[in-house]
Amino acid sequence: MFVFRAGQQTRTVTSFSLGYQDRAPDSNREAAPLDIRLSEEVGTLTVGPNPRVTYWNTDLRAVEDFLFRSGNS
């Protein structure tokens, strides 16, 4: 997930729209956006001018291992 770059002007949001794009390389086909409201647990998200997600991982354990691993493993 690309939320913002250091030094960019950001804003804090409580909801956002997520647009899906075809997985085929060089495809510009997009589905209708999905409006998402953040849960009370999450609260807010700080984003820059052009946030995007390039890959979703549905394996929570793999995500947690990546986010919370220590050292240079």
PDB file of N, CA and C in Angstrom:
ATOM      1  N   MET A   1       0.849  -1.164   0.000  1.00  0.00           N
ATOM      2  CA  MET A   1       0.000   0.000   0.000  1.00  0.00           C
ATOM      3  C   MET A   1       0.899   1.232   0.000  1.00  0.00           C
ATOM      4  N   PHE A   2       0.591   2.140  -0.853  1.00  0.00           N
ATOM      5  CA  PHE A   2       1.316   3.402  -0.947  1.00  0.00           C
ATOM      6  C   PHE A   2       0.375   4.482  -0.433  1.00  0.00           C
ATOM      7  N   VAL A   3       0.658   5.007   0.759  1.00  0.00           N
ATOM      8  CA  VAL A   3      -0.249   5.967   1.373  1.00  0.00           C
ATOM      9  C   VAL A   3       0.209   7.400   1.127  1.00  0.00           C
ATOM     10  N   PHE A   4       1.491   7.696   1.384  1.00  0.00           N
ATOM     11  CA  PHE A   4       2.048   9.010   1.078  1.00  0.00           C
ATOM     12  C   PHE A   4       3.568   8.944   1.116  1.00  0.00           C
ATOM     13  N   ARG A   5       4.203   9.919   0.500  1.00  0.00           N
ATOM     14  CA  ARG A   5       5.665  10.045   0.530  1.00  0.00           C
ATOM     15  C   ARG A   5       6.046  11.098   1.562  1.00  0.00           C
ATOM     16  N   ALA A   6       7.220  10.927   2.135  1.00  0.00           N
ATOM     17  CA  ALA A   6       7.717  11.919   3.094  1.00  0.00           C
ATOM     18  C   ALA A   6       7.745  13.291   2.433  1.00  0.00           C
ATOM     19  N   GLY A   7       7.302  14.295   3.157  1.00  0.00           N
ATOM     20  CA  GLY A   7       7.315  15.663   2.660  1.00  0.00           C
ATOM     21  C   GLY A   7       6.072  16.068   1.885  1.00  0.00           C
ATOM     22  N   GLN A   8       5.216  15.106   1.534  1.00  0.00           N
ATOM     23  CA  GLN A   8       3.994  15.453   0.817  1.00  0.00           C
ATOM     24  C   GLN A   8       2.969  16.052   1.773  1.00  0.00           C
ATOM     25  N   GLN A   9       2.116  16.895   1.240  1.00  0.00           N
ATOM     26  CA  GLN A   9       1.005  17.394   2.027  1.00  0.00           C
ATOM     27  C   GLN A   9       0.005  16.253   2.165  1.00  0.00           C
ATOM     28  N   THR A  10      -0.489  16.021   3.374  1.00  0.00           N
ATOM     29  CA  THR A  10      -1.409  14.918   3.621  1.00  0.00           C
ATOM     30  C   THR A  10      -2.730  15.430   4.170  1.00  0.00           C
ATOM     31  N   ARG A  11      -3.696  14.539   4.194  1.00  0.00           N
ATOM     32  CA  ARG A  11      -4.983  14.837   4.817  1.00  0.00           C
ATOM     33  C   ARG A  11      -5.429  13.579   5.557  1.00  0.00           C
ATOM     34  N   THR A  12      -6.267  13.767   6.544  1.00  0.00           N
ATOM     35  CA  THR A  12      -6.771  12.656   7.337  1.00  0.00           C
ATOM     36  C   THR A  12      -8.204  12.365   6.919  1.00  0.00           C
ATOM     37  N   VAL A  13      -8.499  11.091   6.659  1.00  0.00           N
ATOM     38  CA  VAL A  13      -9.822  10.696   6.188  1.00  0.00           C
ATOM     39  C   VAL A  13     -10.438   9.642   7.107  1.00  0.00           C
ATOM     40  N   THR A  14     -11.758   9.558   7.081  1.00  0.00           N
ATOM     41  CA  THR A  14     -12.471   8.524   7.818  1.00  0.00           C
ATOM     42  C   THR A  14     -13.149   7.544   6.863  1.00  0.00           C
ATOM     43  N   SER A  15     -13.093   7.855   5.572  1.00  0.00           N
ATOM     44  CA  SER A  15     -13.636   6.967   4.550  1.00  0.00           C
ATOM     45  C   SER A  15     -12.896   7.236   3.244  1.00  0.00           C
ATOM     46  N   PHE A  16     -13.031   6.309   2.307  1.00  0.00           N
ATOM     47  CA  PHE A  16     -12.382   6.471   1.003  1.00  0.00           C
ATOM     48  C   PHE A  16     -13.078   5.587  -0.020  1.00  0.00           C
ATOM     49  N   SER A  17     -12.790   5.824  -1.287  1.00  0.00           N
ATOM     50  CA  SER A  17     -13.300   4.989  -2.366  1.00  0.00           C
ATOM     51  C   SER A  17     -12.146   4.161  -2.909  1.00  0.00           C
ATOM     52  N   LEU A  18     -12.427   2.901  -3.184  1.00  0.00           N
ATOM     53  CA  LEU A  18     -11.418   1.982  -3.695  1.00  0.00           C
ATOM     54  C   LEU A  18     -11.865   1.519  -5.064  1.00  0.00           C
ATOM     55  N   GLY A  19     -11.055   1.781  -6.083  1.00  0.00           N
ATOM     56  CA  GLY A  19     -11.364   1.351  -7.434  1.00  0.00           C
ATOM     57  C   GLY A  19     -10.502   0.163  -7.811  1.00  0.00           C
ATOM     58  N   TYR A  20     -11.116  -0.883  -8.325  1.00  0.00           N
ATOM     59  CA  TYR A  20     -10.378  -2.073  -8.750  1.00  0.00           C
ATOM     60  C   TYR A  20      -9.989  -1.944 -10.204  1.00  0.00           C
ATOM     61  N   GLN A  21      -8.796  -2.440 -10.537  1.00  0.00           N
ATOM     62  CA  GLN A  21      -8.327  -2.425 -11.913  1.00  0.00           C
ATOM     63  C   GLN A  21      -8.039  -3.852 -12.330  1.00  0.00           C
ATOM     64  N   ASP A  22      -8.248  -4.154 -13.594  1.00  0.00           N
ATOM     65  CA  ASP A  22      -7.982  -5.476 -14.139  1.00  0.00           C
ATOM     66  C   ASP A  22      -6.537  -5.886 -13.847  1.00  0.00           C
ATOM     67  N   ARG A  23      -6.304  -7.159 -13.550  1.00  0.00           N
ATOM     68  CA  ARG A  23      -4.957  -7.642 -13.232  1.00  0.00           C
ATOM     69  C   ARG A  23      -4.062  -7.758 -14.457  1.00  0.00           C
ATOM     70  N   ALA A  24      -4.625  -7.739 -15.652  1.00  0.00           N
ATOM     71  CA  ALA A  24      -3.835  -7.882 -16.869  1.00  0.00           C
ATOM     72  C   ALA A  24      -2.894  -6.694 -17.035  1.00  0.00           C
ATOM     73  N   PRO A  25      -1.636  -6.957 -17.408  1.00  0.00           N
ATOM     74  CA  PRO A  25      -0.686  -5.847 -17.610  1.00  0.00           C
ATOM     75  C   PRO A  25      -1.219  -4.836 -18.631  1.00  0.00           C
ATOM     76  N   ASP A  26      -0.973  -3.585 -18.377  1.00  0.00           N
ATOM     77  CA  ASP A  26      -1.355  -2.489 -19.274  1.00  0.00           C
ATOM     78  C   ASP A  26      -2.861  -2.357 -19.480  1.00  0.00           C
ATOM     79  N   SER A  27      -3.648  -2.935 -18.586  1.00  0.00           N
ATOM     80  CA  SER A  27      -5.097  -2.818 -18.714  1.00  0.00           C
ATOM     81  C   SER A  27      -5.564  -1.545 -18.025  1.00  0.00           C
ATOM     82  N   ASN A  28      -6.451  -0.822 -18.659  1.00  0.00           N
ATOM     83  CA  ASN A  28      -7.021   0.376 -18.062  1.00  0.00           C
ATOM     84  C   ASN A  28      -8.461   0.157 -17.636  1.00  0.00           C
ATOM     85  N   ARG A  29      -8.930  -1.090 -17.715  1.00  0.00           N
ATOM     86  CA  ARG A  29     -10.307  -1.397 -17.351  1.00  0.00           C
ATOM     87  C   ARG A  29     -10.457  -1.349 -15.834  1.00  0.00           C
ATOM     88  N   GLU A  30     -11.379  -0.528 -15.353  1.00  0.00           N
ATOM     89  CA  GLU A  30     -11.633  -0.400 -13.919  1.00  0.00           C
ATOM     90  C   GLU A  30     -13.087  -0.697 -13.616  1.00  0.00           C
ATOM     91  N   ALA A  31     -13.326  -1.273 -12.440  1.00  0.00           N
ATOM     92  CA  ALA A  31     -14.685  -1.519 -11.978  1.00  0.00           C
ATOM     93  C   ALA A  31     -15.185  -0.280 -11.239  1.00  0.00           C
ATOM     94  N   ALA A  32     -16.479  -0.244 -10.970  1.00  0.00           N
ATOM     95  CA  ALA A  32     -17.050   0.868 -10.210  1.00  0.00           C
ATOM     96  C   ALA A  32     -16.386   0.916  -8.837  1.00  0.00           C
ATOM     97  N   PRO A  33     -16.072   2.099  -8.326  1.00  0.00           N
ATOM     98  CA  PRO A  33     -15.413   2.195  -7.024  1.00  0.00           C
ATOM     99  C   PRO A  33     -16.297   1.704  -5.883  1.00  0.00           C
ATOM    100  N   LEU A  34     -15.651   1.200  -4.859  1.00  0.00           N
ATOM    101  CA  LEU A  34     -16.315   0.727  -3.659  1.00  0.00           C
ATOM    102  C   LEU A  34     -16.060   1.745  -2.555  1.00  0.00           C
ATOM    103  N   ASP A  35     -17.119   2.290  -1.958  1.00  0.00           N
ATOM    104  CA  ASP A  35     -16.978   3.272  -0.881  1.00  0.00           C
ATOM    105  C   ASP A  35     -16.779   2.540   0.446  1.00  0.00           C
ATOM    106  N   ILE A  36     -15.725   2.892   1.174  1.00  0.00           N
ATOM    107  CA  ILE A  36     -15.356   2.218   2.414  1.00  0.00           C
ATOM    108  C   ILE A  36     -15.274   3.232   3.550  1.00  0.00           C
ATOM    109  N   ARG A  37     -15.945   2.948   4.638  1.00  0.00           N
ATOM    110  CA  ARG A  37     -15.863   3.771   5.847  1.00  0.00           C
ATOM    111  C   ARG A  37     -14.996   3.017   6.840  1.00  0.00           C
ATOM    112  N   LEU A  38     -14.008   3.697   7.417  1.00  0.00           N
ATOM    113  CA  LEU A  38     -13.115   3.054   8.373  1.00  0.00           C
ATOM    114  C   LEU A  38     -13.864   2.704   9.654  1.00  0.00           C
ATOM    115  N   SER A  39     -13.506   1.587  10.243  1.00  0.00           N
ATOM    116  CA  SER A  39     -14.155   1.154  11.483  1.00  0.00           C
ATOM    117  C   SER A  39     -13.759   2.075  12.632  1.00  0.00           C
ATOM    118  N   GLU A  40     -14.503   2.005  13.717  1.00  0.00           N
ATOM    119  CA  GLU A  40     -14.165   2.795  14.901  1.00  0.00           C
ATOM    120  C   GLU A  40     -12.814   2.372  15.466  1.00  0.00           C
ATOM    121  N   GLU A  41     -12.454   1.088  15.313  1.00  0.00           N
ATOM    122  CA  GLU A  41     -11.152   0.602  15.781  1.00  0.00           C
ATOM    123  C   GLU A  41     -10.012   1.306  15.055  1.00  0.00           C
ATOM    124  N   VAL A  42     -10.178   1.485  13.746  1.00  0.00           N
ATOM    125  CA  VAL A  42      -9.139   2.127  12.934  1.00  0.00           C
ATOM    126  C   VAL A  42      -9.226   3.639  13.093  1.00  0.00           C
ATOM    127  N   GLY A  43     -10.425   4.188  13.003  1.00  0.00           N
ATOM    128  CA  GLY A  43     -10.628   5.621  13.188  1.00  0.00           C
ATOM    129  C   GLY A  43     -10.326   6.443  11.957  1.00  0.00           C
ATOM    130  N   THR A  44      -9.051   6.766  11.726  1.00  0.00           N
ATOM    131  CA  THR A  44      -8.678   7.617  10.600  1.00  0.00           C
ATOM    132  C   THR A  44      -7.460   7.049   9.878  1.00  0.00           C
ATOM    133  N   LEU A  45      -7.238   7.557   8.687  1.00  0.00           N
ATOM    134  CA  LEU A  45      -6.093   7.185   7.863  1.00  0.00           C
ATOM    135  C   LEU A  45      -5.526   8.468   7.273  1.00  0.00           C
ATOM    136  N   THR A  46      -4.224   8.637   7.330  1.00  0.00           N
ATOM    137  CA  THR A  46      -3.581   9.821   6.752  1.00  0.00           C
ATOM    138  C   THR A  46      -3.031   9.453   5.382  1.00  0.00           C
ATOM    139  N   VAL A  47      -3.430  10.219   4.360  1.00  0.00           N
ATOM    140  CA  VAL A  47      -3.051   9.909   2.984  1.00  0.00           C
ATOM    141  C   VAL A  47      -2.492  11.139   2.278  1.00  0.00           C
ATOM    142  N   GLY A  48      -1.698  10.889   1.265  1.00  0.00           N
ATOM    143  CA  GLY A  48      -1.173  11.943   0.412  1.00  0.00           C
ATOM    144  C   GLY A  48      -2.101  12.163  -0.771  1.00  0.00           C
ATOM    145  N   PRO A  49      -1.631  12.875  -1.797  1.00  0.00           N
ATOM    146  CA  PRO A  49      -2.488  13.222  -2.927  1.00  0.00           C
ATOM    147  C   PRO A  49      -2.839  12.054  -3.850  1.00  0.00           C
ATOM    148  N   ASN A  50      -2.068  10.963  -3.827  1.00  0.00           N
ATOM    149  CA  ASN A  50      -2.326   9.873  -4.765  1.00  0.00           C
ATOM    150  C   ASN A  50      -2.080   8.508  -4.116  1.00  0.00           C
ATOM    151  N   PRO A  51      -2.842   8.149  -3.069  1.00  0.00           N
ATOM    152  CA  PRO A  51      -2.625   6.845  -2.436  1.00  0.00           C
ATOM    153  C   PRO A  51      -3.082   5.719  -3.355  1.00  0.00           C
ATOM    154  N   ARG A  52      -2.453   4.549  -3.226  1.00  0.00           N
ATOM    155  CA  ARG A  52      -2.855   3.400  -4.048  1.00  0.00           C
ATOM    156  C   ARG A  52      -2.367   2.096  -3.420  1.00  0.00           C
ATOM    157  N   VAL A  53      -2.993   1.034  -3.830  1.00  0.00           N
ATOM    158  CA  VAL A  53      -2.613  -0.300  -3.404  1.00  0.00           C
ATOM    159  C   VAL A  53      -2.239  -1.066  -4.661  1.00  0.00           C
ATOM    160  N   THR A  54      -1.092  -1.738  -4.622  1.00  0.00           N
ATOM    161  CA  THR A  54      -0.666  -2.491  -5.796  1.00  0.00           C
ATOM    162  C   THR A  54      -0.861  -3.984  -5.621  1.00  0.00           C
ATOM    163  N   TYR A  55      -1.107  -4.435  -4.364  1.00  0.00           N
ATOM    164  CA  TYR A  55      -1.255  -5.859  -4.120  1.00  0.00           C
ATOM    165  C   TYR A  55      -1.980  -6.058  -2.796  1.00  0.00           C
ATOM    166  N   TRP A  56      -2.928  -6.970  -2.753  1.00  0.00           N
ATOM    167  CA  TRP A  56      -3.615  -7.326  -1.509  1.00  0.00           C
ATOM    168  C   TRP A  56      -3.147  -8.705  -1.093  1.00  0.00           C
ATOM    169  N   ASN A  57      -2.780  -8.860   0.162  1.00  0.00           N
ATOM    170  CA  ASN A  57      -2.421 -10.170   0.693  1.00  0.00           C
ATOM    171  C   ASN A  57      -3.531 -10.589   1.653  1.00  0.00           C
ATOM    172  N   THR A  58      -4.176 -11.702   1.391  1.00  0.00           N
ATOM    173  CA  THR A  58      -5.277 -12.156   2.228  1.00  0.00           C
ATOM    174  C   THR A  58      -4.811 -13.059   3.373  1.00  0.00           C
ATOM    175  N   ASP A  59      -3.511 -13.319   3.466  1.00  0.00           N
ATOM    176  CA  ASP A  59      -2.952 -14.143   4.538  1.00  0.00           C
ATOM    177  C   ASP A  59      -2.506 -13.229   5.680  1.00  0.00           C
ATOM    178  N   LEU A  60      -3.357 -13.090   6.725  1.00  0.00           N
ATOM    179  CA  LEU A  60      -3.074 -12.185   7.828  1.00  0.00           C
ATOM    180  C   LEU A  60      -1.733 -12.499   8.488  1.00  0.00           C
ATOM    181  N   ARG A  61      -1.396 -13.745   8.641  1.00  0.00           N
ATOM    182  CA  ARG A  61      -0.127 -14.133   9.282  1.00  0.00           C
ATOM    183  C   ARG A  61       1.059 -13.595   8.471  1.00  0.00           C
ATOM    184  N   ALA A  62       1.011 -13.709   7.166  1.00  0.00           N
ATOM    185  CA  ALA A  62       2.092 -13.202   6.313  1.00  0.00           C
ATOM    186  C   ALA A  62       2.218 -11.688   6.438  1.00  0.00           C
ATOM    187  N   VAL A  63       1.093 -10.994   6.500  1.00  0.00           N
ATOM    188  CA  VAL A  63       1.103  -9.535   6.639  1.00  0.00           C
ATOM    189  C   VAL A  63       1.707  -9.148   7.981  1.00  0.00           C
ATOM    190  N   GLU A  64       1.268  -9.795   9.066  1.00  0.00           N
ATOM    191  CA  GLU A  64       1.797  -9.491  10.392  1.00  0.00           C
ATOM    192  C   GLU A  64       3.286  -9.798  10.472  1.00  0.00           C
ATOM    193  N   ASP A  65       3.716 -10.917   9.896  1.00  0.00           N
ATOM    194  CA  ASP A  65       5.143 -11.258   9.892  1.00  0.00           C
ATOM    195  C   ASP A  65       5.957 -10.173   9.194  1.00  0.00           C
ATOM    196  N   PHE A  66       5.441  -9.663   8.080  1.00  0.00           N
ATOM    197  CA  PHE A  66       6.137  -8.617   7.337  1.00  0.00           C
ATOM    198  C   PHE A  66       6.176  -7.309   8.127  1.00  0.00           C
ATOM    199  N   LEU A  67       5.044  -6.927   8.707  1.00  0.00           N
ATOM    200  CA  LEU A  67       4.956  -5.640   9.407  1.00  0.00           C
ATOM    201  C   LEU A  67       5.698  -5.618  10.729  1.00  0.00           C
ATOM    202  N   PHE A  68       5.698  -6.733  11.426  1.00  0.00           N
ATOM    203  CA  PHE A  68       6.208  -6.728  12.791  1.00  0.00           C
ATOM    204  C   PHE A  68       7.504  -7.504  12.986  1.00  0.00           C
ATOM    205  N   ARG A  69       8.136  -7.923  11.909  1.00  0.00           N
ATOM    206  CA  ARG A  69       9.397  -8.646  12.066  1.00  0.00           C
ATOM    207  C   ARG A  69      10.466  -7.694  12.578  1.00  0.00           C
ATOM    208  N   SER A  70      11.391  -8.214  13.337  1.00  0.00           N
ATOM    209  CA  SER A  70      12.450  -7.387  13.898  1.00  0.00           C
ATOM    210  C   SER A  70      13.770  -7.661  13.192  1.00  0.00           C
ATOM    211  N   GLY A  71      14.631  -6.687  13.215  1.00  0.00           N
ATOM    212  CA  GLY A  71      15.955  -6.855  12.622  1.00  0.00           C
ATOM    213  C   GLY A  71      15.929  -6.819  11.113  1.00  0.00           C
ATOM    214  N   ASN A  72      16.936  -7.370  10.503  1.00  0.00           N
ATOM    215  CA  ASN A  72      17.084  -7.356   9.040  1.00  0.00           C
ATOM    216  C   ASN A  72      16.804  -8.720   8.449  1.00  0.00           C
ATOM    217  N   SER A  73      15.826  -9.426   8.948  1.00  0.00           N
ATOM    218  CA  SER A  73      15.545 -10.765   8.435  1.00  0.00           C
ATOM    219  C   SER A  73      14.875 -10.735   7.097  1.00  0.00           C
TER     220      SER A  73
END
